[in-house]
PDB file of N, CA and C in Angstrom:
ATOM      1  N   MET A   1       1.207  -1.618  -0.217  1.00  0.00           N
ATOM      2  CA  MET A   1       0.358  -0.301   0.205  1.00  0.00           C
ATOM      3  C   MET A   1       0.996   1.121   0.369  1.00  0.00           C
ATOM      4  N   PRO A   2       0.684   2.888  -1.267  1.00  0.00           N
ATOM      5  CA  PRO A   2       1.239   3.298  -0.605  1.00  0.00           C
ATOM      6  C   PRO A   2       1.708   4.279   0.558  1.00  0.00           C
ATOM      7  N   MET A   3       2.509   4.903   1.073  1.00  0.00           N
ATOM      8  CA  MET A   3       2.500   5.445   1.687  1.00  0.00           C
ATOM      9  C   MET A   3       1.031   6.128   1.975  1.00  0.00           C
ATOM     10  N   SER A   4       1.016   7.397   0.379  1.00  0.00           N
ATOM     11  CA  SER A   4       0.349   7.925   0.648  1.00  0.00           C
ATOM     12  C   SER A   4      -1.764   8.181   1.312  1.00  0.00           C
ATOM     13  N   ALA A   5      -1.368   6.392   0.833  1.00  0.00           N
ATOM     14  CA  ALA A   5      -3.095   5.961   1.163  1.00  0.00           C
ATOM     15  C   ALA A   5      -3.370   5.671   3.058  1.00  0.00           C
ATOM     16  N   LYS A   6      -1.704   5.697   3.401  1.00  0.00           N
ATOM     17  CA  LYS A   6      -2.372   5.598   5.127  1.00  0.00           C
ATOM     18  C   LYS A   6      -2.514   5.989   5.695  1.00  0.00           C
ATOM     19  N   THR A   7      -1.397   7.975   4.697  1.00  0.00           N
ATOM     20  CA  THR A   7      -1.287   8.933   5.926  1.00  0.00           C
ATOM     21  C   THR A   7      -1.683   9.738   5.266  1.00  0.00           C
ATOM     22  N   ASN A   8      -2.154  10.993   5.454  1.00  0.00           N
ATOM     23  CA  ASN A   8      -3.077  12.707   4.852  1.00  0.00           C
ATOM     24  C   ASN A   8      -1.224  12.903   4.453  1.00  0.00           C
ATOM     25  N   ALA A   9      -0.403  12.490   3.507  1.00  0.00           N
ATOM     26  CA  ALA A   9       0.229  12.982   3.656  1.00  0.00           C
ATOM     27  C   ALA A   9       0.045  13.611   0.981  1.00  0.00           C
ATOM     28  N   CYS A  10       0.808  14.679   0.776  1.00  0.00           N
ATOM     29  CA  CYS A  10       0.410  15.586  -0.031  1.00  0.00           C
ATOM     30  C   CYS A  10      -1.539  15.720   0.203  1.00  0.00           C
ATOM     31  N   ARG A  11      -1.351  15.702   0.419  1.00  0.00           N
ATOM     32  CA  ARG A  11      -3.118  15.522   0.630  1.00  0.00           C
ATOM     33  C   ARG A  11      -3.619  16.583   1.120  1.00  0.00           C
ATOM     34  N   PRO A  12      -4.524  17.801   0.507  1.00  0.00           N
ATOM     35  CA  PRO A  12      -4.651  19.245   1.043  1.00  0.00           C
ATOM     36  C   PRO A  12      -5.277  18.775   2.584  1.00  0.00           C
ATOM     37  N   TRP A  13      -5.351  20.489   3.226  1.00  0.00           N
ATOM     38  CA  TRP A  13      -6.314  20.522   4.272  1.00  0.00           C
ATOM     39  C   TRP A  13      -7.482  20.374   4.269  1.00  0.00           C
ATOM     40  N   ASP A  14      -8.305  19.812   5.245  1.00  0.00           N
ATOM     41  CA  ASP A  14      -9.917  20.751   5.187  1.00  0.00           C
ATOM     42  C   ASP A  14      -9.769  20.940   5.994  1.00  0.00           C
ATOM     43  N   ASP A  15     -11.302  21.988   6.178  1.00  0.00           N
ATOM     44  CA  ASP A  15     -11.128  22.822   6.803  1.00  0.00           C
ATOM     45  C   ASP A  15     -11.130  22.498   8.386  1.00  0.00           C
ATOM     46  N   GLU A  16     -11.986  20.922   8.656  1.00  0.00           N
ATOM     47  CA  GLU A  16     -12.264  20.251   9.867  1.00  0.00           C
ATOM     48  C   GLU A  16     -10.588  20.023  10.102  1.00  0.00           C
ATOM     49  N   GLN A  17     -10.003  19.195   9.806  1.00  0.00           N
ATOM     50  CA  GLN A  17      -8.710  18.990   9.898  1.00  0.00           C
ATOM     51  C   GLN A  17      -7.180  20.467  10.724  1.00  0.00           C
ATOM     52  N   VAL A  18      -7.092  21.551  10.330  1.00  0.00           N
ATOM     53  CA  VAL A  18      -7.272  23.035  10.701  1.00  0.00           C
ATOM     54  C   VAL A  18      -7.876  23.546  11.238  1.00  0.00           C
ATOM     55  N   GLU A  19      -8.792  23.039  11.991  1.00  0.00           N
ATOM     56  CA  GLU A  19     -10.155  23.524  13.024  1.00  0.00           C
ATOM     57  C   GLU A  19      -8.546  22.855  13.918  1.00  0.00           C
ATOM     58  N   ARG A  20      -9.393  21.193  14.155  1.00  0.00           N
ATOM     59  CA  ARG A  20      -8.734  20.355  15.449  1.00  0.00           C
ATOM     60  C   ARG A  20      -7.051  20.156  15.354  1.00  0.00           C
ATOM     61  N   LEU A  21      -6.508  21.629  14.381  1.00  0.00           N
ATOM     62  CA  LEU A  21      -4.787  21.277  14.659  1.00  0.00           C
ATOM     63  C   LEU A  21      -4.976  22.389  15.426  1.00  0.00           C
ATOM     64  N   LYS A  22      -5.998  23.658  15.519  1.00  0.00           N
ATOM     65  CA  LYS A  22      -5.171  24.796  15.944  1.00  0.00           C
ATOM     66  C   LYS A  22      -5.962  24.196  16.881  1.00  0.00           C
ATOM     67  N   GLU A  23      -6.130  23.858  17.175  1.00  0.00           N
ATOM     68  CA  GLU A  23      -7.383  23.035  19.078  1.00  0.00           C
ATOM     69  C   GLU A  23      -5.850  22.569  20.251  1.00  0.00           C
ATOM     70  N   LEU A  24      -6.070  21.563  18.901  1.00  0.00           N
ATOM     71  CA  LEU A  24      -3.828  21.194  19.729  1.00  0.00           C
ATOM     72  C   LEU A  24      -3.219  22.249  19.980  1.00  0.00           C
ATOM     73  N   ILE A  25      -2.840  23.168  19.268  1.00  0.00           N
ATOM     74  CA  ILE A  25      -2.332  24.151  18.798  1.00  0.00           C
ATOM     75  C   ILE A  25      -2.197  24.951  20.909  1.00  0.00           C
ATOM     76  N   ALA A  26      -3.712  24.497  20.118  1.00  0.00           N
ATOM     77  CA  ALA A  26      -4.393  26.123  21.954  1.00  0.00           C
ATOM     78  C   ALA A  26      -4.176  24.885  23.191  1.00  0.00           C
ATOM     79  N   SER A  27      -3.758  23.337  23.025  1.00  0.00           N
ATOM     80  CA  SER A  27      -4.434  22.641  24.090  1.00  0.00           C
ATOM     81  C   SER A  27      -3.059  22.218  24.636  1.00  0.00           C
ATOM     82  N   GLY A  28      -1.818  23.352  23.487  1.00  0.00           N
ATOM     83  CA  GLY A  28      -0.369  22.638  24.211  1.00  0.00           C
ATOM     84  C   GLY A  28      -0.363  21.512  23.494  1.00  0.00           C
ATOM     85  N   ALA A  29      -0.220  21.026  22.756  1.00  0.00           N
ATOM     86  CA  ALA A  29       0.114  19.160  22.665  1.00  0.00           C
ATOM     87  C   ALA A  29       1.341  19.613  21.542  1.00  0.00           C
ATOM     88  N   SER A  30       2.315  18.271  21.741  1.00  0.00           N
ATOM     89  CA  SER A  30       3.732  18.827  20.558  1.00  0.00           C
ATOM     90  C   SER A  30       3.321  18.113  18.768  1.00  0.00           C
ATOM     91  N   ALA A  31       4.581  18.429  18.196  1.00  0.00           N
ATOM     92  CA  ALA A  31       3.500  18.219  16.836  1.00  0.00           C
ATOM     93  C   ALA A  31       4.012  16.847  16.793  1.00  0.00           C
ATOM     94  N   VAL A  32       4.186  16.188  17.801  1.00  0.00           N
ATOM     95  CA  VAL A  32       4.632  15.132  17.402  1.00  0.00           C
ATOM     96  C   VAL A  32       2.626  14.512  17.593  1.00  0.00           C
ATOM     97  N   ARG A  33       3.032  15.085  19.050  1.00  0.00           N
ATOM     98  CA  ARG A  33       1.342  14.744  19.080  1.00  0.00           C
ATOM     99  C   ARG A  33      -0.477  15.200  18.479  1.00  0.00           C
ATOM    100  N   ALA A  34      -0.096  16.402  18.143  1.00  0.00           N
ATOM    101  CA  ALA A  34      -0.359  16.514  16.356  1.00  0.00           C
ATOM    102  C   ALA A  34      -0.311  16.204  15.750  1.00  0.00           C
ATOM    103  N   ALA A  35       0.645  14.779  15.287  1.00  0.00           N
ATOM    104  CA  ALA A  35       0.473  14.539  14.183  1.00  0.00           C
ATOM    105  C   ALA A  35       0.097  13.066  14.467  1.00  0.00           C
ATOM    106  N   ALA A  36       0.260  12.644  15.556  1.00  0.00           N
ATOM    107  CA  ALA A  36      -0.515  11.119  15.675  1.00  0.00           C
ATOM    108  C   ALA A  36      -1.785  11.507  15.579  1.00  0.00           C
ATOM    109  N   ALA A  37      -2.194  12.461  15.963  1.00  0.00           N
ATOM    110  CA  ALA A  37      -4.451  13.230  16.722  1.00  0.00           C
ATOM    111  C   ALA A  37      -4.768  13.583  14.966  1.00  0.00           C
ATOM    112  N   LEU A  38      -3.819  13.581  14.476  1.00  0.00           N
ATOM    113  CA  LEU A  38      -4.376  14.300  12.068  1.00  0.00           C
ATOM    114  C   LEU A  38      -3.764  12.492  11.353  1.00  0.00           C
ATOM    115  N   LYS A  39      -3.372  11.509  11.391  1.00  0.00           N
ATOM    116  CA  LYS A  39      -2.578  11.064  10.996  1.00  0.00           C
ATOM    117  C   LYS A  39      -1.953  11.486   9.195  1.00  0.00           C
ATOM    118  N   ARG A  40      -1.282  12.567  10.326  1.00  0.00           N
ATOM    119  CA  ARG A  40       0.057  13.309   8.856  1.00  0.00           C
ATOM    120  C   ARG A  40       1.737  13.094   9.716  1.00  0.00           C
ATOM    121  N   ALA A  41       2.409  14.051   8.789  1.00  0.00           N
ATOM    122  CA  ALA A  41       3.888  13.455   8.584  1.00  0.00           C
ATOM    123  C   ALA A  41       4.201  14.517  10.130  1.00  0.00           C
ATOM    124  N   ARG A  42       5.021  14.808  10.851  1.00  0.00           N
ATOM    125  CA  ARG A  42       4.962  15.612  12.053  1.00  0.00           C
ATOM    126  C   ARG A  42       5.525  16.848  11.235  1.00  0.00           C
ATOM    127  N   SER A  43       6.513  16.905  10.129  1.00  0.00           N
ATOM    128  CA  SER A  43       6.998  18.301   9.332  1.00  0.00           C
ATOM    129  C   SER A  43       5.508  19.335   8.508  1.00  0.00           C
ATOM    130  N   SER A  44       5.299  17.553   8.398  1.00  0.00           N
ATOM    131  CA  SER A  44       3.568  18.664   7.525  1.00  0.00           C
ATOM    132  C   SER A  44       3.125  19.631   8.850  1.00  0.00           C
ATOM    133  N   VAL A  45       2.020  19.137  10.144  1.00  0.00           N
ATOM    134  CA  VAL A  45       2.072  20.203  10.651  1.00  0.00           C
ATOM    135  C   VAL A  45       2.454  21.017  11.451  1.00  0.00           C
ATOM    136  N   GLN A  46       3.895  21.350  11.235  1.00  0.00           N
ATOM    137  CA  GLN A  46       4.259  21.865  11.811  1.00  0.00           C
ATOM    138  C   GLN A  46       4.373  23.510  11.305  1.00  0.00           C
ATOM    139  N   VAL A  47       4.481  22.796   8.988  1.00  0.00           N
ATOM    140  CA  VAL A  47       4.451  23.948   8.663  1.00  0.00           C
ATOM    141  C   VAL A  47       3.371  24.900   8.636  1.00  0.00           C
ATOM    142  N   LYS A  48       1.966  23.577   8.562  1.00  0.00           N
ATOM    143  CA  LYS A  48       1.004  24.363   8.436  1.00  0.00           C
ATOM    144  C   LYS A  48       0.493  24.783   9.647  1.00  0.00           C
ATOM    145  N   ALA A  49       0.908  25.170  10.988  1.00  0.00           N
ATOM    146  CA  ALA A  49       0.930  25.540  12.246  1.00  0.00           C
ATOM    147  C   ALA A  49       1.560  26.797  11.641  1.00  0.00           C
ATOM    148  N   ARG A  50       2.798  26.535  11.295  1.00  0.00           N
ATOM    149  CA  ARG A  50       3.924  27.911  10.570  1.00  0.00           C
ATOM    150  C   ARG A  50       2.533  28.882  10.333  1.00  0.00           C
ATOM    151  N   LYS A  51       2.396  28.461   8.975  1.00  0.00           N
ATOM    152  CA  LYS A  51       1.594  28.982   8.153  1.00  0.00           C
ATOM    153  C   LYS A  51       0.336  29.681   8.469  1.00  0.00           C
ATOM    154  N   LEU A  52      -0.814  29.177   9.458  1.00  0.00           N
ATOM    155  CA  LEU A  52      -1.357  29.319  10.343  1.00  0.00           C
ATOM    156  C   LEU A  52      -1.156  30.432  11.669  1.00  0.00           C
ATOM    157  N   GLY A  53       0.003  30.607  11.518  1.00  0.00           N
ATOM    158  CA  GLY A  53       0.481  31.369  12.085  1.00  0.00           C
ATOM    159  C   GLY A  53       0.165  31.195  13.386  1.00  0.00           C
ATOM    160  N   MET A  54       0.237  29.402  14.316  1.00  0.00           N
ATOM    161  CA  MET A  54       0.414  29.453  15.818  1.00  0.00           C
ATOM    162  C   MET A  54       1.616  28.063  15.337  1.00  0.00           C
ATOM    163  N   PRO A  55       2.688  28.694  15.606  1.00  0.00           N
ATOM    164  CA  PRO A  55       3.828  27.475  15.872  1.00  0.00           C
ATOM    165  C   PRO A  55       3.884  27.008  16.863  1.00  0.00           C
ATOM    166  N   PHE A  56       4.639  25.697  17.255  1.00  0.00           N
ATOM    167  CA  PHE A  56       4.174  24.906  17.968  1.00  0.00           C
ATOM    168  C   PHE A  56       4.928  25.526  18.662  1.00  0.00           C
ATOM    169  N   MET A  57       5.381  24.857  20.092  1.00  0.00           N
ATOM    170  CA  MET A  57       6.607  25.293  21.355  1.00  0.00           C
ATOM    171  C   MET A  57       7.441  24.502  20.802  1.00  0.00           C
ATOM    172  N   ALA A  58       8.291  24.702  21.876  1.00  0.00           N
ATOM    173  CA  ALA A  58       9.721  24.424  21.200  1.00  0.00           C
ATOM    174  C   ALA A  58       9.380  22.522  22.277  1.00  0.00           C
ATOM    175  N   SER A  59       9.968  21.494  21.835  1.00  0.00           N
ATOM    176  CA  SER A  59      10.027  20.689  22.850  1.00  0.00           C
ATOM    177  C   SER A  59      10.338  21.017  23.969  1.00  0.00           C
ATOM    178  N   ARG A  60      11.307  21.452  24.385  1.00  0.00           N
ATOM    179  CA  ARG A  60      11.834  22.459  25.939  1.00  0.00           C
ATOM    180  C   ARG A  60      11.043  22.560  26.771  1.00  0.00           C
ATOM    181  N   ASP A  61      10.042  24.130  26.254  1.00  0.00           N
ATOM    182  CA  ASP A  61       9.371  24.306  26.250  1.00  0.00           C
ATOM    183  C   ASP A  61       7.608  23.849  26.993  1.00  0.00           C
ATOM    184  N   VAL A  62       7.378  22.307  26.128  1.00  0.00           N
ATOM    185  CA  VAL A  62       6.656  21.431  26.519  1.00  0.00           C
ATOM    186  C   VAL A  62       6.334  21.310  27.006  1.00  0.00           C
ATOM    187  N   LYS A  63       7.633  20.510  27.343  1.00  0.00           N
ATOM    188  CA  LYS A  63       8.217  19.677  29.055  1.00  0.00           C
ATOM    189  C   LYS A  63       7.966  20.456  29.937  1.00  0.00           C
ATOM    190  N   ARG A  64       8.388  21.715  30.105  1.00  0.00           N
ATOM    191  CA  ARG A  64       8.611  22.541  31.544  1.00  0.00           C
ATOM    192  C   ARG A  64       6.978  23.057  31.709  1.00  0.00           C
ATOM    193  N   LEU A  65       6.480  22.833  30.858  1.00  0.00           N
ATOM    194  CA  LEU A  65       4.912  22.865  30.913  1.00  0.00           C
ATOM    195  C   LEU A  65       4.216  22.484  31.879  1.00  0.00           C
ATOM    196  N   ARG A  66       4.567  20.874  30.824  1.00  0.00           N
ATOM    197  CA  ARG A  66       4.043  19.747  31.704  1.00  0.00           C
ATOM    198  C   ARG A  66       4.493  18.905  33.053  1.00  0.00           C
ATOM    199  N   ASP A  67       6.156  19.480  33.164  1.00  0.00           N
ATOM    200  CA  ASP A  67       7.077  19.453  34.811  1.00  0.00           C
ATOM    201  C   ASP A  67       6.149  20.088  35.869  1.00  0.00           C
ATOM    202  N   ALA A  68       5.794  21.444  35.071  1.00  0.00           N
ATOM    203  CA  ALA A  68       5.143  22.328  35.981  1.00  0.00           C
ATOM    204  C   ALA A  68       2.994  22.224  36.228  1.00  0.00           C
ATOM    205  N   LYS A  69       2.659  21.029  35.421  1.00  0.00           N
ATOM    206  CA  LYS A  69       1.254  21.234  35.999  1.00  0.00           C
ATOM    207  C   LYS A  69       0.887  19.959  36.659  1.00  0.00           C
ATOM    208  N   ILE A  70       2.066  19.591  36.358  1.00  0.00           N
ATOM    209  CA  ILE A  70       2.583  18.261  37.641  1.00  0.00           C
ATOM    210  C   ILE A  70       2.776  18.389  39.022  1.00  0.00           C
ATOM    211  N   ALA A  71       3.326  19.260  39.117  1.00  0.00           N
ATOM    212  CA  ALA A  71       4.594  20.109  40.309  1.00  0.00           C
ATOM    213  C   ALA A  71       2.601  20.817  41.176  1.00  0.00           C
ATOM    214  N   ALA A  72       2.637  21.107  40.729  1.00  0.00           N
ATOM    215  CA  ALA A  72       0.884  22.116  41.067  1.00  0.00           C
ATOM    216  C   ALA A  72       0.367  20.617  41.593  1.00  0.00           C
ATOM    217  N   ALA A  73      -0.431  20.142  40.340  1.00  0.00           N
ATOM    218  CA  ALA A  73      -1.358  18.989  40.663  1.00  0.00           C
ATOM    219  C   ALA A  73      -0.984  17.719  41.375  1.00  0.00           C
ATOM    220  N   GLU A  74       0.830  18.241  42.290  1.00  0.00           N
ATOM    221  CA  GLU A  74       0.867  17.225  43.091  1.00  0.00           C
ATOM    222  C   GLU A  74       1.525  17.501  45.144  1.00  0.00           C
ATOM    223  N   SER A  75       1.799  19.234  44.707  1.00  0.00           N
ATOM    224  CA  SER A  75       1.663  20.055  45.988  1.00  0.00           C
ATOM    225  C   SER A  75      -0.056  20.449  46.255  1.00  0.00           C
ATOM    226  N   THR A  76      -1.124  20.367  44.914  1.00  0.00           N
ATOM    227  CA  THR A  76      -3.098  20.280  45.539  1.00  0.00           C
ATOM    228  C   THR A  76      -3.164  19.443  46.633  1.00  0.00           C
ATOM    229  N   PRO A  77      -3.897  18.960  48.260  1.00  0.00           N
ATOM    230  CA  PRO A  77      -4.682  18.220  48.025  1.00  0.00           C
ATOM    231  C   PRO A  77      -5.212  17.659  48.373  1.00  0.00           C
ATOM    232  N   LEU A  78      -5.775  17.033  48.228  1.00  0.00           N
ATOM    233  CA  LEU A  78      -6.870  15.820  47.368  1.00  0.00           C
ATOM    234  C   LEU A  78      -8.594  16.362  47.894  1.00  0.00           C
ATOM    235  N   ARG A  79      -9.735  16.737  47.835  1.00  0.00           N
ATOM    236  CA  ARG A  79     -10.427  16.648  48.523  1.00  0.00           C
ATOM    237  C   ARG A  79     -11.318  15.349  48.653  1.00  0.00           C
ATOM    238  N   ALA A  80     -11.374  15.252  48.232  1.00  0.00           N
ATOM    239  CA  ALA A  80     -11.601  13.400  47.181  1.00  0.00           C
ATOM    240  C   ALA A  80     -11.461  12.858  49.099  1.00  0.00           C
ATOM    241  N   HIS A  81     -10.050  12.792  48.665  1.00  0.00           N
ATOM    242  CA  HIS A  81      -8.985  12.130  50.493  1.00  0.00           C
ATOM    243  C   HIS A  81     -10.175  12.763  51.626  1.00  0.00           C
ATOM    244  N   ALA A  82     -10.288  13.871  52.061  1.00  0.00           N
ATOM    245  CA  ALA A  82     -10.488  15.098  53.486  1.00  0.00           C
ATOM    246  C   ALA A  82     -12.107  14.242  52.669  1.00  0.00           C
ATOM    247  N   GLU A  83     -12.369  14.503  52.519  1.00  0.00           N
ATOM    248  CA  GLU A  83     -14.489  14.278  52.166  1.00  0.00           C
ATOM    249  C   GLU A  83     -14.297  12.948  52.900  1.00  0.00           C
ATOM    250  N   PHE A  84     -13.950  12.065  51.855  1.00  0.00           N
ATOM    251  CA  PHE A  84     -13.962  11.012  52.399  1.00  0.00           C
ATOM    252  C   PHE A  84     -13.570  10.395  54.524  1.00  0.00           C
ATOM    253  N   ALA A  85     -12.888  10.860  53.762  1.00  0.00           N
ATOM    254  CA  ALA A  85     -12.629  10.489  55.594  1.00  0.00           C
ATOM    255  C   ALA A  85     -13.782  10.838  56.703  1.00  0.00           C
ATOM    256  N   GLU A  86     -14.368  12.142  56.276  1.00  0.00           N
ATOM    257  CA  GLU A  86     -15.096  12.875  57.277  1.00  0.00           C
ATOM    258  C   GLU A  86     -16.388  11.758  57.347  1.00  0.00           C
ATOM    259  N   HIS A  87     -16.356  11.205  56.363  1.00  0.00           N
ATOM    260  CA  HIS A  87     -17.603  10.247  56.379  1.00  0.00           C
ATOM    261  C   HIS A  87     -17.686   8.713  57.138  1.00  0.00           C
TER     262      HIS A  87
END
């Protein structure tokens, strides 16, 4: 099976895919994750994102943001445990 039959390689972007790409970028997804979600090459989603004026964050920035979210979640006490202990 040719590669283009498996993926969207060399195929135009439709409006739905463009909107999904914008959502993925806005949510902080990496280019690799967006490529997997859209079944396109990483380079393809990176180029499209730049053309839209919405380039992906650098991978080191994505990792830094993810680590900050994890640290914040770990430092927040779990209310569910406290409420469960009261009953």
